[in-house]
Amino acid sequence: MAYIYAEKFIFSNLKSPSSAKFASYYDVKSYQPTVCKFNFIGYVDAQNSFGAMIRTNFNVTVRYEPNKDKYYLEHLDM
Protein backbone atom coordinates (compact mmCIF):
# COMPACT_ATOMS: atom_id res chain seq x y z
CA MET A 1 0.00 0.00 0.00
CA ALA A 2 2.84 2.41 0.83
CA TYR A 3 4.31 2.08 -2.68
CA ILE A 4 0.97 3.04 -4.25
CA TYR A 5 0.99 6.26 -2.26
CA ALA A 6 4.65 6.85 -3.11
CA GLU A 7 3.76 6.63 -6.81
CA LYS A 8 0.92 9.12 -6.32
CA PHE A 9 3.31 11.62 -4.73
CA ILE A 10 5.74 11.15 -7.63
CA PHE A 11 2.93 11.55 -10.21
CA SER A 12 2.06 14.94 -8.77
CA ASN A 13 5.62 16.15 -9.45
CA LEU A 14 5.82 15.09 -13.11
CA LYS A 15 5.28 17.41 -16.10
CA SER A 16 3.23 14.75 -17.89
CA PRO A 17 1.88 12.26 -15.33
CA SER A 18 -0.24 10.45 -17.93
CA SER A 19 2.93 9.39 -19.78
CA ALA A 20 4.58 7.90 -16.67
CA LYS A 21 5.85 4.34 -16.75
CA PHE A 22 7.32 3.19 -13.45
CA ALA A 23 9.99 0.55 -13.07
CA SER A 24 8.71 -2.87 -12.12
CA TYR A 25 8.19 -3.13 -8.37
CA TYR A 26 10.90 -5.81 -8.37
CA ASP A 27 13.40 -3.27 -9.77
CA VAL A 28 12.64 -0.77 -6.99
CA LYS A 29 14.75 -0.90 -3.84
CA SER A 30 12.57 -0.67 -0.77
CA TYR A 31 13.16 -0.68 2.93
CA GLN A 32 11.32 0.17 6.10
CA PRO A 33 13.53 2.31 8.40
CA THR A 34 10.89 2.35 11.15
CA VAL A 35 7.53 0.69 11.73
CA CYS A 36 5.52 3.36 9.89
CA LYS A 37 8.09 4.72 7.39
CA PHE A 38 8.76 3.29 3.95
CA ASN A 39 11.51 4.28 1.52
CA PHE A 40 11.59 3.48 -2.20
CA ILE A 41 14.41 4.10 -4.68
CA GLY A 42 13.78 3.57 -8.38
CA TYR A 43 12.99 5.35 -11.62
CA VAL A 44 10.11 6.53 -13.74
CA ASP A 45 10.06 7.18 -17.49
CA ALA A 46 7.89 10.15 -18.44
CA GLN A 47 7.67 12.98 -20.95
CA ASN A 48 9.39 16.25 -20.15
CA SER A 49 8.03 19.69 -21.14
CA PHE A 50 9.27 19.15 -24.72
CA GLY A 51 7.52 15.80 -25.12
CA ALA A 52 10.69 13.69 -24.97
CA MET A 53 10.63 10.59 -22.79
CA ILE A 54 13.25 10.83 -20.07
CA ARG A 55 14.18 8.57 -17.17
CA THR A 56 14.09 10.19 -13.76
CA ASN A 57 15.47 8.51 -10.66
CA PHE A 58 13.54 8.94 -7.44
CA ASN A 59 14.08 8.47 -3.73
CA VAL A 60 10.82 8.78 -1.82
CA THR A 61 9.91 8.27 1.83
CA VAL A 62 6.31 7.99 2.98
CA ARG A 63 5.03 7.84 6.55
CA TYR A 64 1.90 6.03 7.65
CA GLU A 65 -0.23 7.42 10.47
CA PRO A 66 -2.25 4.42 11.73
CA ASN A 67 -4.53 6.49 13.96
CA LYS A 68 -5.59 8.53 10.91
CA ASP A 69 -5.20 5.67 8.40
CA LYS A 70 -3.34 8.06 6.10
CA TYR A 71 0.00 8.23 4.26
CA TYR A 72 2.12 11.39 4.14
CA LEU A 73 5.06 12.38 1.98
CA GLU A 74 8.18 12.84 4.09
CA HIS A 75 10.84 13.14 1.40
CA LEU A 76 10.96 13.18 -2.38
CA ASP A 77 14.13 13.57 -4.40
CA MET A 78 13.80 13.43 -8.19
PDB file of N, CA and C in Angstrom:
ATOM      1  N   MET A   1       0.824  -1.190   0.000  1.00  0.00           N
ATOM      2  CA  MET A   1       0.000   0.000   0.000  1.00  0.00           C
ATOM      3  C   MET A   1       0.872   1.259   0.000  1.00  0.00           C
ATOM      4  N   ALA A   2       1.974   1.234   0.745  1.00  0.00           N
ATOM      5  CA  ALA A   2       2.843   2.412   0.834  1.00  0.00           C
ATOM      6  C   ALA A   2       3.397   2.787  -0.541  1.00  0.00           C
ATOM      7  N   TYR A   3       3.739   1.775  -1.362  1.00  0.00           N
ATOM      8  CA  TYR A   3       4.307   2.077  -2.676  1.00  0.00           C
ATOM      9  C   TYR A   3       3.277   2.757  -3.580  1.00  0.00           C
ATOM     10  N   ILE A   4       2.027   2.390  -3.460  1.00  0.00           N
ATOM     11  CA  ILE A   4       0.972   3.038  -4.255  1.00  0.00           C
ATOM     12  C   ILE A   4       0.912   4.524  -3.928  1.00  0.00           C
ATOM     13  N   TYR A   5       1.001   4.851  -2.651  1.00  0.00           N
ATOM     14  CA  TYR A   5       0.992   6.264  -2.260  1.00  0.00           C
ATOM     15  C   TYR A   5       2.271   6.963  -2.695  1.00  0.00           C
ATOM     16  N   ALA A   6       3.396   6.262  -2.638  1.00  0.00           N
ATOM     17  CA  ALA A   6       4.654   6.849  -3.106  1.00  0.00           C
ATOM     18  C   ALA A   6       4.538   7.221  -4.587  1.00  0.00           C
ATOM     19  N   GLU A   7       3.961   6.332  -5.391  1.00  0.00           N
ATOM     20  CA  GLU A   7       3.762   6.629  -6.814  1.00  0.00           C
ATOM     21  C   GLU A   7       2.864   7.848  -7.004  1.00  0.00           C
ATOM     22  N   LYS A   8       1.822   7.966  -6.202  1.00  0.00           N
ATOM     23  CA  LYS A   8       0.920   9.121  -6.321  1.00  0.00           C
ATOM     24  C   LYS A   8       1.661  10.423  -6.044  1.00  0.00           C
ATOM     25  N   PHE A   9       2.538  10.424  -5.038  1.00  0.00           N
ATOM     26  CA  PHE A   9       3.313  11.624  -4.729  1.00  0.00           C
ATOM     27  C   PHE A   9       4.276  11.955  -5.873  1.00  0.00           C
ATOM     28  N   ILE A  10       4.839  10.938  -6.498  1.00  0.00           N
ATOM     29  CA  ILE A  10       5.744  11.154  -7.635  1.00  0.00           C
ATOM     30  C   ILE A  10       4.953  11.678  -8.831  1.00  0.00           C
ATOM     31  N   PHE A  11       3.798  11.080  -9.117  1.00  0.00           N
ATOM     32  CA  PHE A  11       2.933  11.545 -10.209  1.00  0.00           C
ATOM     33  C   PHE A  11       2.697  13.043 -10.121  1.00  0.00           C
ATOM     34  N   SER A  12       2.410  13.524  -8.933  1.00  0.00           N
ATOM     35  CA  SER A  12       2.065  14.943  -8.768  1.00  0.00           C
ATOM     36  C   SER A  12       3.241  15.874  -9.038  1.00  0.00           C
ATOM     37  N   ASN A  13       4.449  15.321  -9.177  1.00  0.00           N
ATOM     38  CA  ASN A  13       5.621  16.147  -9.454  1.00  0.00           C
ATOM     39  C   ASN A  13       6.129  16.003 -10.887  1.00  0.00           C
ATOM     40  N   LEU A  14       5.406  15.278 -11.721  1.00  0.00           N
ATOM     41  CA  LEU A  14       5.821  15.092 -13.113  1.00  0.00           C
ATOM     42  C   LEU A  14       5.153  16.120 -14.020  1.00  0.00           C
ATOM     43  N   LYS A  15       5.842  16.480 -15.111  1.00  0.00           N
ATOM     44  CA  LYS A  15       5.277  17.410 -16.101  1.00  0.00           C
ATOM     45  C   LYS A  15       4.118  16.763 -16.853  1.00  0.00           C
ATOM     46  N   SER A  16       4.263  15.470 -17.140  1.00  0.00           N
ATOM     47  CA  SER A  16       3.232  14.746 -17.886  1.00  0.00           C
ATOM     48  C   SER A  16       2.927  13.422 -17.175  1.00  0.00           C
ATOM     49  N   PRO A  17       2.155  13.475 -16.101  1.00  0.00           N
ATOM     50  CA  PRO A  17       1.882  12.258 -15.333  1.00  0.00           C
ATOM     51  C   PRO A  17       1.239  11.133 -16.147  1.00  0.00           C
ATOM     52  N   SER A  18       0.443  11.488 -17.143  1.00  0.00           N
ATOM     53  CA  SER A  18      -0.239  10.451 -17.930  1.00  0.00           C
ATOM     54  C   SER A  18       0.734   9.615 -18.762  1.00  0.00           C
ATOM     55  N   SER A  19       1.945  10.130 -18.991  1.00  0.00           N
ATOM     56  CA  SER A  19       2.930   9.389 -19.779  1.00  0.00           C
ATOM     57  C   SER A  19       3.842   8.530 -18.902  1.00  0.00           C
ATOM     58  N   ALA A  20       3.663   8.563 -17.602  1.00  0.00           N
ATOM     59  CA  ALA A  20       4.576   7.897 -16.667  1.00  0.00           C
ATOM     60  C   ALA A  20       4.521   6.378 -16.771  1.00  0.00           C
ATOM     61  N   LYS A  21       5.704   5.786 -16.794  1.00  0.00           N
ATOM     62  CA  LYS A  21       5.853   4.336 -16.754  1.00  0.00           C
ATOM     63  C   LYS A  21       6.896   4.043 -15.671  1.00  0.00           C
ATOM     64  N   PHE A  22       6.433   3.487 -14.568  1.00  0.00           N
ATOM     65  CA  PHE A  22       7.318   3.192 -13.448  1.00  0.00           C
ATOM     66  C   PHE A  22       8.067   1.889 -13.682  1.00  0.00           C
ATOM     67  N   ALA A  23       9.229   1.796 -13.055  1.00  0.00           N
ATOM     68  CA  ALA A  23       9.991   0.550 -13.072  1.00  0.00           C
ATOM     69  C   ALA A  23       9.141  -0.532 -12.417  1.00  0.00           C
ATOM     70  N   SER A  24       9.392  -1.760 -12.775  1.00  0.00           N
ATOM     71  CA  SER A  24       8.712  -2.874 -12.120  1.00  0.00           C
ATOM     72  C   SER A  24       8.984  -2.791 -10.618  1.00  0.00           C
ATOM     73  N   TYR A  25       8.008  -3.169  -9.827  1.00  0.00           N
ATOM     74  CA  TYR A  25       8.189  -3.127  -8.369  1.00  0.00           C
ATOM     75  C   TYR A  25       9.428  -3.918  -7.957  1.00  0.00           C
ATOM     76  N   TYR A  26       9.748  -4.976  -8.692  1.00  0.00           N
ATOM     77  CA  TYR A  26      10.904  -5.812  -8.370  1.00  0.00           C
ATOM     78  C   TYR A  26      12.225  -5.107  -8.670  1.00  0.00           C
ATOM     79  N   ASP A  27      12.195  -4.050  -9.470  1.00  0.00           N
ATOM     80  CA  ASP A  27      13.395  -3.267  -9.770  1.00  0.00           C
ATOM     81  C   ASP A  27      13.558  -2.082  -8.823  1.00  0.00           C
ATOM     82  N   VAL A  28      12.602  -1.878  -7.946  1.00  0.00           N
ATOM     83  CA  VAL A  28      12.643  -0.767  -6.993  1.00  0.00           C
ATOM     84  C   VAL A  28      13.215  -1.282  -5.678  1.00  0.00           C
ATOM     85  N   LYS A  29      14.200  -0.540  -5.149  1.00  0.00           N
ATOM     86  CA  LYS A  29      14.749  -0.898  -3.841  1.00  0.00           C
ATOM     87  C   LYS A  29      13.815  -0.330  -2.783  1.00  0.00           C
ATOM     88  N   SER A  30      13.471  -1.145  -1.818  1.00  0.00           N
ATOM     89  CA  SER A  30      12.571  -0.667  -0.767  1.00  0.00           C
ATOM     90  C   SER A  30      13.086  -1.123   0.587  1.00  0.00           C
ATOM     91  N   TYR A  31      12.866  -0.287   1.563  1.00  0.00           N
ATOM     92  CA  TYR A  31      13.157  -0.681   2.931  1.00  0.00           C
ATOM     93  C   TYR A  31      12.262   0.095   3.878  1.00  0.00           C
ATOM     94  N   GLN A  32      12.201  -0.401   5.091  1.00  0.00           N
ATOM     95  CA  GLN A  32      11.320   0.170   6.103  1.00  0.00           C
ATOM     96  C   GLN A  32      12.188   0.581   7.298  1.00  0.00           C
ATOM     97  N   PRO A  33      12.632   1.870   7.325  1.00  0.00           N
ATOM     98  CA  PRO A  33      13.532   2.307   8.397  1.00  0.00           C
ATOM     99  C   PRO A  33      12.903   2.266   9.790  1.00  0.00           C
ATOM    100  N   THR A  34      11.609   2.478   9.882  1.00  0.00           N
ATOM    101  CA  THR A  34      10.887   2.348  11.151  1.00  0.00           C
ATOM    102  C   THR A  34       9.550   1.672  10.857  1.00  0.00           C
ATOM    103  N   VAL A  35       8.795   1.420  11.884  1.00  0.00           N
ATOM    104  CA  VAL A  35       7.531   0.688  11.732  1.00  0.00           C
ATOM    105  C   VAL A  35       6.589   1.348  10.732  1.00  0.00           C
ATOM    106  N   CYS A  36       6.493   2.665  10.745  1.00  0.00           N
ATOM    107  CA  CYS A  36       5.519   3.360   9.895  1.00  0.00           C
ATOM    108  C   CYS A  36       6.154   4.203   8.793  1.00  0.00           C
ATOM    109  N   LYS A  37       7.435   3.992   8.486  1.00  0.00           N
ATOM    110  CA  LYS A  37       8.093   4.719   7.393  1.00  0.00           C
ATOM    111  C   LYS A  37       8.542   3.726   6.334  1.00  0.00           C
ATOM    112  N   PHE A  38       8.399   4.141   5.080  1.00  0.00           N
ATOM    113  CA  PHE A  38       8.758   3.288   3.954  1.00  0.00           C
ATOM    114  C   PHE A  38       9.553   4.116   2.955  1.00  0.00           C
ATOM    115  N   ASN A  39      10.669   3.568   2.479  1.00  0.00           N
ATOM    116  CA  ASN A  39      11.512   4.277   1.519  1.00  0.00           C
ATOM    117  C   ASN A  39      11.609   3.445   0.248  1.00  0.00           C
ATOM    118  N   PHE A  40      11.506   4.137  -0.899  1.00  0.00           N
ATOM    119  CA  PHE A  40      11.590   3.476  -2.199  1.00  0.00           C
ATOM    120  C   PHE A  40      12.568   4.240  -3.081  1.00  0.00           C
ATOM    121  N   ILE A  41      13.446   3.506  -3.760  1.00  0.00           N
ATOM    122  CA  ILE A  41      14.412   4.097  -4.684  1.00  0.00           C
ATOM    123  C   ILE A  41      14.246   3.385  -6.017  1.00  0.00           C
ATOM    124  N   GLY A  42      13.992   4.161  -7.063  1.00  0.00           N
ATOM    125  CA  GLY A  42      13.779   3.571  -8.377  1.00  0.00           C
ATOM    126  C   GLY A  42      13.792   4.631  -9.455  1.00  0.00           C
ATOM    127  N   TYR A  43      13.052   4.376 -10.525  1.00  0.00           N
ATOM    128  CA  TYR A  43      12.992   5.347 -11.622  1.00  0.00           C
ATOM    129  C   TYR A  43      11.615   5.327 -12.264  1.00  0.00           C
ATOM    130  N   VAL A  44      11.339   6.416 -12.963  1.00  0.00           N
ATOM    131  CA  VAL A  44      10.108   6.527 -13.737  1.00  0.00           C
ATOM    132  C   VAL A  44      10.470   7.133 -15.090  1.00  0.00           C
ATOM    133  N   ASP A  45       9.906   6.607 -16.158  1.00  0.00           N
ATOM    134  CA  ASP A  45      10.062   7.183 -17.492  1.00  0.00           C
ATOM    135  C   ASP A  45       8.817   8.010 -17.771  1.00  0.00           C
ATOM    136  N   ALA A  46       9.023   9.269 -18.155  1.00  0.00           N
ATOM    137  CA  ALA A  46       7.886  10.154 -18.440  1.00  0.00           C
ATOM    138  C   ALA A  46       8.334  11.260 -19.384  1.00  0.00           C
ATOM    139  N   GLN A  47       7.360  11.880 -20.035  1.00  0.00           N
ATOM    140  CA  GLN A  47       7.669  12.975 -20.953  1.00  0.00           C
ATOM    141  C   GLN A  47       8.047  14.231 -20.174  1.00  0.00           C
ATOM    142  N   ASN A  48       9.040  14.952 -20.726  1.00  0.00           N
ATOM    143  CA  ASN A  48       9.387  16.252 -20.149  1.00  0.00           C
ATOM    144  C   ASN A  48       8.547  17.325 -20.833  1.00  0.00           C
ATOM    145  N   SER A  49       8.834  18.594 -20.569  1.00  0.00           N
ATOM    146  CA  SER A  49       8.030  19.691 -21.142  1.00  0.00           C
ATOM    147  C   SER A  49       8.103  19.757 -22.667  1.00  0.00           C
ATOM    148  N   PHE A  50       9.129  19.130 -23.259  1.00  0.00           N
ATOM    149  CA  PHE A  50       9.273  19.155 -24.717  1.00  0.00           C
ATOM    150  C   PHE A  50       8.685  17.909 -25.374  1.00  0.00           C
ATOM    151  N   GLY A  51       8.139  17.002 -24.579  1.00  0.00           N
ATOM    152  CA  GLY A  51       7.524  15.796 -25.124  1.00  0.00           C
ATOM    153  C   GLY A  51       8.464  14.615 -25.254  1.00  0.00           C
ATOM    154  N   ALA A  52       9.728  14.790 -24.884  1.00  0.00           N
ATOM    155  CA  ALA A  52      10.693  13.692 -24.966  1.00  0.00           C
ATOM    156  C   ALA A  52      10.578  12.813 -23.719  1.00  0.00           C
ATOM    157  N   MET A  53      10.651  11.506 -23.926  1.00  0.00           N
ATOM    158  CA  MET A  53      10.628  10.585 -22.788  1.00  0.00           C
ATOM    159  C   MET A  53      11.996  10.599 -22.112  1.00  0.00           C
ATOM    160  N   ILE A  54      11.993  10.836 -20.821  1.00  0.00           N
ATOM    161  CA  ILE A  54      13.247  10.825 -20.066  1.00  0.00           C
ATOM    162  C   ILE A  54      13.071   9.941 -18.832  1.00  0.00           C
ATOM    163  N   ARG A  55      14.183   9.396 -18.378  1.00  0.00           N
ATOM    164  CA  ARG A  55      14.176   8.574 -17.168  1.00  0.00           C
ATOM    165  C   ARG A  55      14.596   9.446 -15.996  1.00  0.00           C
ATOM    166  N   THR A  56      13.808   9.411 -14.954  1.00  0.00           N
ATOM    167  CA  THR A  56      14.092  10.194 -13.755  1.00  0.00           C
ATOM    168  C   THR A  56      14.181   9.248 -12.565  1.00  0.00           C
ATOM    169  N   ASN A  57      15.305   9.310 -11.872  1.00  0.00           N
ATOM    170  CA  ASN A  57      15.470   8.514 -10.657  1.00  0.00           C
ATOM    171  C   ASN A  57      14.711   9.175  -9.515  1.00  0.00           C
ATOM    172  N   PHE A  58      14.217   8.376  -8.608  1.00  0.00           N
ATOM    173  CA  PHE A  58      13.537   8.938  -7.441  1.00  0.00           C
ATOM    174  C   PHE A  58      13.973   8.230  -6.161  1.00  0.00           C
ATOM    175  N   ASN A  59      13.876   8.970  -5.085  1.00  0.00           N
ATOM    176  CA  ASN A  59      14.083   8.466  -3.732  1.00  0.00           C
ATOM    177  C   ASN A  59      12.951   9.074  -2.918  1.00  0.00           C
ATOM    178  N   VAL A  60      12.013   8.265  -2.488  1.00  0.00           N
ATOM    179  CA  VAL A  60      10.820   8.778  -1.820  1.00  0.00           C
ATOM    180  C   VAL A  60      10.611   8.053  -0.487  1.00  0.00           C
ATOM    181  N   THR A  61      10.232   8.824   0.514  1.00  0.00           N
ATOM    182  CA  THR A  61       9.908   8.270   1.827  1.00  0.00           C
ATOM    183  C   THR A  61       8.490   8.684   2.190  1.00  0.00           C
ATOM    184  N   VAL A  62       7.671   7.708   2.531  1.00  0.00           N
ATOM    185  CA  VAL A  62       6.305   7.987   2.978  1.00  0.00           C
ATOM    186  C   VAL A  62       6.154   7.493   4.417  1.00  0.00           C
ATOM    187  N   ARG A  63       5.296   8.168   5.143  1.00  0.00           N
ATOM    188  CA  ARG A  63       5.032   7.841   6.548  1.00  0.00           C
ATOM    189  C   ARG A  63       3.553   7.516   6.705  1.00  0.00           C
ATOM    190  N   TYR A  64       3.285   6.444   7.397  1.00  0.00           N
ATOM    191  CA  TYR A  64       1.903   6.031   7.649  1.00  0.00           C
ATOM    192  C   TYR A  64       1.503   6.435   9.060  1.00  0.00           C
ATOM    193  N   GLU A  65       0.345   7.060   9.172  1.00  0.00           N
ATOM    194  CA  GLU A  65      -0.234   7.422  10.471  1.00  0.00           C
ATOM    195  C   GLU A  65      -1.403   6.472  10.731  1.00  0.00           C
ATOM    196  N   PRO A  66      -1.189   5.418  11.536  1.00  0.00           N
ATOM    197  CA  PRO A  66      -2.249   4.424  11.732  1.00  0.00           C
ATOM    198  C   PRO A  66      -3.507   4.979  12.401  1.00  0.00           C
ATOM    199  N   ASN A  67      -3.345   5.939  13.291  1.00  0.00           N
ATOM    200  CA  ASN A  67      -4.532   6.485  13.963  1.00  0.00           C
ATOM    201  C   ASN A  67      -5.407   7.304  13.019  1.00  0.00           C
ATOM    202  N   LYS A  68      -4.825   7.789  11.916  1.00  0.00           N
ATOM    203  CA  LYS A  68      -5.588   8.533  10.906  1.00  0.00           C
ATOM    204  C   LYS A  68      -5.823   7.696   9.649  1.00  0.00           C
ATOM    205  N   ASP A  69      -5.161   6.534   9.573  1.00  0.00           N
ATOM    206  CA  ASP A  69      -5.204   5.668   8.398  1.00  0.00           C
ATOM    207  C   ASP A  69      -4.871   6.463   7.138  1.00  0.00           C
ATOM    208  N   LYS A  70      -3.735   7.176   7.192  1.00  0.00           N
ATOM    209  CA  LYS A  70      -3.342   8.060   6.097  1.00  0.00           C
ATOM    210  C   LYS A  70      -1.829   8.011   5.890  1.00  0.00           C
ATOM    211  N   TYR A  71      -1.418   8.176   4.611  1.00  0.00           N
ATOM    212  CA  TYR A  71      -0.001   8.231   4.256  1.00  0.00           C
ATOM    213  C   TYR A  71       0.386   9.672   3.953  1.00  0.00           C
ATOM    214  N   TYR A  72       1.602  10.036   4.368  1.00  0.00           N
ATOM    215  CA  TYR A  72       2.117  11.388   4.144  1.00  0.00           C
ATOM    216  C   TYR A  72       3.475  11.305   3.459  1.00  0.00           C
ATOM    217  N   LEU A  73       3.751  12.282   2.619  1.00  0.00           N
ATOM    218  CA  LEU A  73       5.058  12.382   1.982  1.00  0.00           C
ATOM    219  C   LEU A  73       6.034  12.990   2.974  1.00  0.00           C
ATOM    220  N   GLU A  74       7.143  12.300   3.211  1.00  0.00           N
ATOM    221  CA  GLU A  74       8.182  12.839   4.092  1.00  0.00           C
ATOM    222  C   GLU A  74       9.339  13.399   3.291  1.00  0.00           C
ATOM    223  N   HIS A  75       9.679  12.725   2.192  1.00  0.00           N
ATOM    224  CA  HIS A  75      10.842  13.139   1.404  1.00  0.00           C
ATOM    225  C   HIS A  75      10.646  12.674  -0.037  1.00  0.00           C
ATOM    226  N   LEU A  76      10.983  13.550  -0.963  1.00  0.00           N
ATOM    227  CA  LEU A  76      10.965  13.176  -2.376  1.00  0.00           C
ATOM    228  C   LEU A  76      12.117  13.861  -3.068  1.00  0.00           C
ATOM    229  N   ASP A  77      12.994  13.059  -3.636  1.00  0.00           N
ATOM    230  CA  ASP A  77      14.129  13.568  -4.397  1.00  0.00           C
ATOM    231  C   ASP A  77      14.015  12.984  -5.796  1.00  0.00           C
ATOM    232  N   MET A  78      13.911  13.884  -6.795  1.00  0.00           N
ATOM    233  CA  MET A  78      13.800  13.430  -8.187  1.00  0.00           C
ATOM    234  C   MET A  78      14.798  14.189  -9.038  1.00  0.00           C
TER     235      MET A  78
END
